[in-house]
């Protein structure tokens, strides 16, 4: 796993030491979403105060393949790759080798600077490097579909829709050549 730099954004492998920064990013994302009227995607309780929230982030940083995007040495975003969707999600396995984006989050202080785009480009690069041709992600499909459109702008194509309790989701896939 190599460090890469794109547009001044340095992407490096994540570690358990990054869990507090990632948890803080998730907390700030909840506040940001709520301020925009979105209380359905991740709820209204910050991840750090949700039962099991901190432990979930720690698992991401130890059981999966995490990456951290930095600007001037400061964590500005995180991406977690896995070999498939979470067992807790009602999503079928791809039926072929894949990499799966389990988490993509950026620090809202750096919104609009291409953190998410750089992390997705890195995920595609790591997927290719592993000799895998399929990168998938699932996301919230509610609201105005803004999150689905974000992934579409980055080369993903919607495949399956699903419902996880009352949470509308969309699986998207990107074929890598």
C-alpha atoms as a PDB file:
ATOM      1  CA  UNK A   1       0.000   0.000   0.000  1.00  0.00           C
ATOM      2  CA  UNK A   2       1.633   3.144  -1.201  1.00  0.00           C
ATOM      3  CA  UNK A   3       1.048   6.761  -0.366  1.00  0.00           C
ATOM      4  CA  UNK A   4      -0.204   8.773  -3.332  1.00  0.00           C
ATOM      5  CA  UNK A   5      -0.587  12.488  -3.832  1.00  0.00           C
ATOM      6  CA  UNK A   6      -3.283  13.995  -6.059  1.00  0.00           C
ATOM      7  CA  UNK A   7      -4.002  17.733  -6.315  1.00  0.00           C
ATOM      8  CA  UNK A   8      -2.138  18.417  -3.069  1.00  0.00           C
ATOM      9  CA  UNK A   9      -4.095  15.677  -1.318  1.00  0.00           C
ATOM     10  CA  UNK A  10      -1.875  12.953   0.126  1.00  0.00           C
ATOM     11  CA  UNK A  11      -3.541   9.567   0.511  1.00  0.00           C
ATOM     12  CA  UNK A  12      -1.907   7.093   2.844  1.00  0.00           C
ATOM     13  CA  UNK A  13      -2.880   3.802   4.471  1.00  0.00           C
ATOM     14  CA  UNK A  14      -4.989   4.329   7.564  1.00  0.00           C
ATOM     15  CA  UNK A  15      -4.357   2.747  10.946  1.00  0.00           C
ATOM     16  CA  UNK A  16      -6.099   2.354  14.309  1.00  0.00           C
ATOM     17  CA  UNK A  17      -4.436   5.637  15.360  1.00  0.00           C
ATOM     18  CA  UNK A  18      -6.671   7.391  12.778  1.00  0.00           C
ATOM     19  CA  UNK A  19      -9.918   6.205  14.392  1.00  0.00           C
ATOM     20  CA  UNK A  20     -10.452   9.403  16.470  1.00  0.00           C
ATOM     21  CA  UNK A  21     -10.012  11.612  13.381  1.00  0.00           C
ATOM     22  CA  UNK A  22     -12.404   9.464  11.326  1.00  0.00           C
ATOM     23  CA  UNK A  23     -14.950   9.498  14.158  1.00  0.00           C
ATOM     24  CA  UNK A  24     -14.683  13.291  14.274  1.00  0.00           C
ATOM     25  CA  UNK A  25     -15.277  13.463  10.500  1.00  0.00           C
ATOM     26  CA  UNK A  26     -18.378  11.304  10.863  1.00  0.00           C
ATOM     27  CA  UNK A  27     -19.645  13.491  13.709  1.00  0.00           C
ATOM     28  CA  UNK A  28     -19.146  16.655  11.654  1.00  0.00           C
ATOM     29  CA  UNK A  29     -20.900  15.027   8.681  1.00  0.00           C
ATOM     30  CA  UNK A  30     -23.964  14.297  10.828  1.00  0.00           C
ATOM     31  CA  UNK A  31     -24.084  17.940  11.966  1.00  0.00           C
ATOM     32  CA  UNK A  32     -23.635  19.166   8.373  1.00  0.00           C
ATOM     33  CA  UNK A  33     -26.386  16.875   7.048  1.00  0.00           C
ATOM     34  CA  UNK A  34     -28.748  17.887   9.835  1.00  0.00           C
ATOM     35  CA  UNK A  35     -28.113  21.586   9.133  1.00  0.00           C
ATOM     36  CA  UNK A  36     -29.174  20.924   5.532  1.00  0.00           C
ATOM     37  CA  UNK A  37     -32.382  19.223   6.713  1.00  0.00           C
ATOM     38  CA  UNK A  38     -31.157  15.659   6.197  1.00  0.00           C
ATOM     39  CA  UNK A  39     -31.918  13.760   9.383  1.00  0.00           C
ATOM     40  CA  UNK A  40     -32.692  10.441   7.668  1.00  0.00           C
ATOM     41  CA  UNK A  41     -29.354   9.398   6.190  1.00  0.00           C
ATOM     42  CA  UNK A  42     -27.291   9.070   9.378  1.00  0.00           C
ATOM     43  CA  UNK A  43     -29.811  10.292  11.943  1.00  0.00           C
ATOM     44  CA  UNK A  44     -29.267  13.134  14.394  1.00  0.00           C
ATOM     45  CA  UNK A  45     -26.953  11.519  16.946  1.00  0.00           C
ATOM     46  CA  UNK A  46     -23.212  11.954  16.307  1.00  0.00           C
ATOM     47  CA  UNK A  47     -21.412   8.652  15.707  1.00  0.00           C
ATOM     48  CA  UNK A  48     -19.294   9.181  18.820  1.00  0.00           C
ATOM     49  CA  UNK A  49     -22.474   9.103  20.929  1.00  0.00           C
ATOM     50  CA  UNK A  50     -24.232   6.239  19.140  1.00  0.00           C
ATOM     51  CA  UNK A  51     -24.066   2.874  20.884  1.00  0.00           C
ATOM     52  CA  UNK A  52     -21.238   1.001  19.173  1.00  0.00           C
ATOM     53  CA  UNK A  53     -20.309   3.964  16.952  1.00  0.00           C
ATOM     54  CA  UNK A  54     -16.712   4.320  18.105  1.00  0.00           C
ATOM     55  CA  UNK A  55     -16.240   0.548  18.067  1.00  0.00           C
ATOM     56  CA  UNK A  56     -17.536   0.385  14.486  1.00  0.00           C
ATOM     57  CA  UNK A  57     -14.961   2.958  13.376  1.00  0.00           C
ATOM     58  CA  UNK A  58     -12.227   1.042  15.211  1.00  0.00           C
ATOM     59  CA  UNK A  59     -13.268  -2.129  13.359  1.00  0.00           C
ATOM     60  CA  UNK A  60     -13.116  -0.261  10.055  1.00  0.00           C
ATOM     61  CA  UNK A  61      -9.569   0.769  10.849  1.00  0.00           C
ATOM     62  CA  UNK A  62      -8.431  -2.733  11.889  1.00  0.00           C
ATOM     63  CA  UNK A  63     -10.538  -5.298  10.002  1.00  0.00           C
ATOM     64  CA  UNK A  64     -10.751  -3.580   6.606  1.00  0.00           C
ATOM     65  CA  UNK A  65      -8.395  -1.620   4.364  1.00  0.00           C
ATOM     66  CA  UNK A  66      -8.557   2.042   5.414  1.00  0.00           C
ATOM     67  CA  UNK A  67      -7.044   5.046   3.672  1.00  0.00           C
ATOM     68  CA  UNK A  68      -6.741   8.600   4.966  1.00  0.00           C
ATOM     69  CA  UNK A  69      -6.561  11.699   2.797  1.00  0.00           C
ATOM     70  CA  UNK A  70      -4.472  14.517   4.214  1.00  0.00           C
ATOM     71  CA  UNK A  71      -4.105  18.183   3.343  1.00  0.00           C
ATOM     72  CA  UNK A  72      -0.979  19.768   4.794  1.00  0.00           C
ATOM     73  CA  UNK A  73      -0.576  16.765   7.094  1.00  0.00           C
ATOM     74  CA  UNK A  74      -4.108  17.059   8.533  1.00  0.00           C
ATOM     75  CA  UNK A  75      -6.609  14.199   8.034  1.00  0.00           C
ATOM     76  CA  UNK A  76      -9.281  15.541   5.686  1.00  0.00           C
ATOM     77  CA  UNK A  77     -11.079  12.397   4.562  1.00  0.00           C
ATOM     78  CA  UNK A  78     -11.213   8.636   4.881  1.00  0.00           C
ATOM     79  CA  UNK A  79     -12.124   5.668   2.751  1.00  0.00           C
ATOM     80  CA  UNK A  80     -12.485   2.058   3.834  1.00  0.00           C
ATOM     81  CA  UNK A  81     -12.278  -0.773   1.305  1.00  0.00           C
ATOM     82  CA  UNK A  82     -13.396  -4.335   1.856  1.00  0.00           C
ATOM     83  CA  UNK A  83     -13.776  -7.464  -0.273  1.00  0.00           C
ATOM     84  CA  UNK A  84     -17.579  -7.213  -0.257  1.00  0.00           C
ATOM     85  CA  UNK A  85     -20.596  -5.574   1.345  1.00  0.00           C
ATOM     86  CA  UNK A  86     -21.294  -5.721   5.044  1.00  0.00           C
ATOM     87  CA  UNK A  87     -23.101  -8.880   6.126  1.00  0.00           C
ATOM     88  CA  UNK A  88     -25.622  -6.616   7.884  1.00  0.00           C
ATOM     89  CA  UNK A  89     -26.726  -5.037   4.588  1.00  0.00           C
ATOM     90  CA  UNK A  90     -29.330  -6.727   2.345  1.00  0.00           C
ATOM     91  CA  UNK A  91     -26.941  -6.750  -0.618  1.00  0.00           C
ATOM     92  CA  UNK A  92     -26.058  -9.793  -2.677  1.00  0.00           C
ATOM     93  CA  UNK A  93     -22.397 -10.635  -3.237  1.00  0.00           C
ATOM     94  CA  UNK A  94     -21.172  -9.681  -6.703  1.00  0.00           C
ATOM     95  CA  UNK A  95     -20.475 -13.276  -7.765  1.00  0.00           C
ATOM     96  CA  UNK A  96     -16.942 -12.271  -8.785  1.00  0.00           C
ATOM     97  CA  UNK A  97     -13.965 -10.720  -7.022  1.00  0.00           C
ATOM     98  CA  UNK A  98     -14.685  -7.157  -6.025  1.00  0.00           C
ATOM     99  CA  UNK A  99     -13.605  -4.323  -3.793  1.00  0.00           C
ATOM    100  CA  UNK A 100     -16.314  -2.568  -1.869  1.00  0.00           C
ATOM    101  CA  UNK A 101     -16.312   0.972  -0.488  1.00  0.00           C
ATOM    102  CA  UNK A 102     -17.568   0.499   3.070  1.00  0.00           C
ATOM    103  CA  UNK A 103     -17.015   4.111   4.126  1.00  0.00           C
ATOM    104  CA  UNK A 104     -16.284   7.391   2.395  1.00  0.00           C
ATOM    105  CA  UNK A 105     -16.280  10.551   4.490  1.00  0.00           C
ATOM    106  CA  UNK A 106     -14.598  13.926   4.339  1.00  0.00           C
ATOM    107  CA  UNK A 107     -14.093  16.581   6.941  1.00  0.00           C
ATOM    108  CA  UNK A 108     -16.689  19.241   6.134  1.00  0.00           C
ATOM    109  CA  UNK A 109     -14.051  21.956   6.702  1.00  0.00           C
ATOM    110  CA  UNK A 110     -12.510  20.803   3.413  1.00  0.00           C
ATOM    111  CA  UNK A 111     -15.740  20.500   1.409  1.00  0.00           C
ATOM    112  CA  UNK A 112     -15.385  21.207  -2.282  1.00  0.00           C
ATOM    113  CA  UNK A 113     -11.654  20.496  -2.462  1.00  0.00           C
ATOM    114  CA  UNK A 114     -11.988  17.100  -4.145  1.00  0.00           C
ATOM    115  CA  UNK A 115     -11.245  14.913  -1.113  1.00  0.00           C
ATOM    116  CA  UNK A 116     -13.967  12.382  -1.951  1.00  0.00           C
ATOM    117  CA  UNK A 117     -12.997  12.327  -5.630  1.00  0.00           C
ATOM    118  CA  UNK A 118      -9.336  11.716  -4.764  1.00  0.00           C
ATOM    119  CA  UNK A 119     -10.255   8.903  -2.391  1.00  0.00           C
ATOM    120  CA  UNK A 120     -12.499   7.238  -4.997  1.00  0.00           C
ATOM    121  CA  UNK A 121      -9.721   7.510  -7.588  1.00  0.00           C
ATOM    122  CA  UNK A 122      -7.382   5.879  -5.071  1.00  0.00           C
ATOM    123  CA  UNK A 123      -9.920   3.106  -4.450  1.00  0.00           C
ATOM    124  CA  UNK A 124     -10.059   2.427  -8.197  1.00  0.00           C
ATOM    125  CA  UNK A 125      -6.255   2.372  -8.375  1.00  0.00           C
ATOM    126  CA  UNK A 126      -5.992  -0.051  -5.431  1.00  0.00           C
ATOM    127  CA  UNK A 127      -8.712  -2.259  -6.929  1.00  0.00           C
ATOM    128  CA  UNK A 128      -6.843  -2.441 -10.250  1.00  0.00           C
ATOM    129  CA  UNK A 129      -3.560  -3.068  -8.427  1.00  0.00           C
ATOM    130  CA  UNK A 130      -5.206  -6.072  -6.732  1.00  0.00           C
ATOM    131  CA  UNK A 131      -6.156  -7.442 -10.155  1.00  0.00           C
ATOM    132  CA  UNK A 132      -9.860  -6.900  -9.481  1.00  0.00           C
ATOM    133  CA  UNK A 133     -12.151  -5.413 -12.147  1.00  0.00           C
ATOM    134  CA  UNK A 134     -15.188  -4.457 -10.040  1.00  0.00           C
ATOM    135  CA  UNK A 135     -15.508  -1.671  -7.480  1.00  0.00           C
ATOM    136  CA  UNK A 136     -18.876  -1.304  -5.760  1.00  0.00           C
ATOM    137  CA  UNK A 137     -20.418   0.968  -3.158  1.00  0.00           C
ATOM    138  CA  UNK A 138     -23.784   1.378  -1.514  1.00  0.00           C
ATOM    139  CA  UNK A 139     -25.206   4.670  -0.408  1.00  0.00           C
ATOM    140  CA  UNK A 140     -28.293   6.422   0.843  1.00  0.00           C
ATOM    141  CA  UNK A 141     -30.738   6.900  -2.038  1.00  0.00           C
ATOM    142  CA  UNK A 142     -33.152   9.200  -0.239  1.00  0.00           C
ATOM    143  CA  UNK A 143     -33.614  12.909  -0.420  1.00  0.00           C
ATOM    144  CA  UNK A 144     -32.988  14.351  -3.851  1.00  0.00           C
ATOM    145  CA  UNK A 145     -30.600  11.586  -4.940  1.00  0.00           C
ATOM    146  CA  UNK A 146     -27.587  13.886  -4.538  1.00  0.00           C
ATOM    147  CA  UNK A 147     -25.351  11.149  -3.128  1.00  0.00           C
ATOM    148  CA  UNK A 148     -26.204   8.699  -5.917  1.00  0.00           C
ATOM    149  CA  UNK A 149     -25.434  11.466  -8.441  1.00  0.00           C
ATOM    150  CA  UNK A 150     -22.061  12.070  -6.749  1.00  0.00           C
ATOM    151  CA  UNK A 151     -21.038   8.451  -7.346  1.00  0.00           C
ATOM    152  CA  UNK A 152     -22.374   8.551 -10.915  1.00  0.00           C
ATOM    153  CA  UNK A 153     -20.164  11.588 -11.616  1.00  0.00           C
ATOM    154  CA  UNK A 154     -17.229   9.422 -10.535  1.00  0.00           C
ATOM    155  CA  UNK A 155     -17.883   6.578 -12.953  1.00  0.00           C
ATOM    156  CA  UNK A 156     -20.285   4.411 -10.951  1.00  0.00           C
ATOM    157  CA  UNK A 157     -23.479   3.009 -12.457  1.00  0.00           C
ATOM    158  CA  UNK A 158     -26.562   2.281 -10.323  1.00  0.00           C
ATOM    159  CA  UNK A 159     -27.356  -1.430 -10.093  1.00  0.00           C
ATOM    160  CA  UNK A 160     -29.619  -2.629  -7.274  1.00  0.00           C
ATOM    161  CA  UNK A 161     -31.878  -0.645  -4.981  1.00  0.00           C
ATOM    162  CA  UNK A 162     -32.580  -1.965  -1.506  1.00  0.00           C
ATOM    163  CA  UNK A 163     -34.332  -1.104   1.712  1.00  0.00           C
ATOM    164  CA  UNK A 164     -32.570  -1.562   5.045  1.00  0.00           C
ATOM    165  CA  UNK A 165     -35.443  -1.155   7.482  1.00  0.00           C
ATOM    166  CA  UNK A 166     -36.773   2.263   6.334  1.00  0.00           C
ATOM    167  CA  UNK A 167     -33.418   3.386   4.877  1.00  0.00           C
ATOM    168  CA  UNK A 168     -33.507   3.519   1.031  1.00  0.00           C
ATOM    169  CA  UNK A 169     -30.222   2.394  -0.468  1.00  0.00           C
ATOM    170  CA  UNK A 170     -28.590   2.160  -3.856  1.00  0.00           C
ATOM    171  CA  UNK A 171     -25.768  -0.130  -4.912  1.00  0.00           C
ATOM    172  CA  UNK A 172     -23.506   1.291  -7.600  1.00  0.00           C
ATOM    173  CA  UNK A 173     -20.753  -0.439  -9.558  1.00  0.00           C
ATOM    174  CA  UNK A 174     -17.725   0.709 -11.500  1.00  0.00           C
ATOM    175  CA  UNK A 175     -15.975  -1.577 -13.969  1.00  0.00           C
ATOM    176  CA  UNK A 176     -12.244  -1.037 -14.112  1.00  0.00           C
ATOM    177  CA  UNK A 177     -10.258  -1.828 -17.252  1.00  0.00           C
END
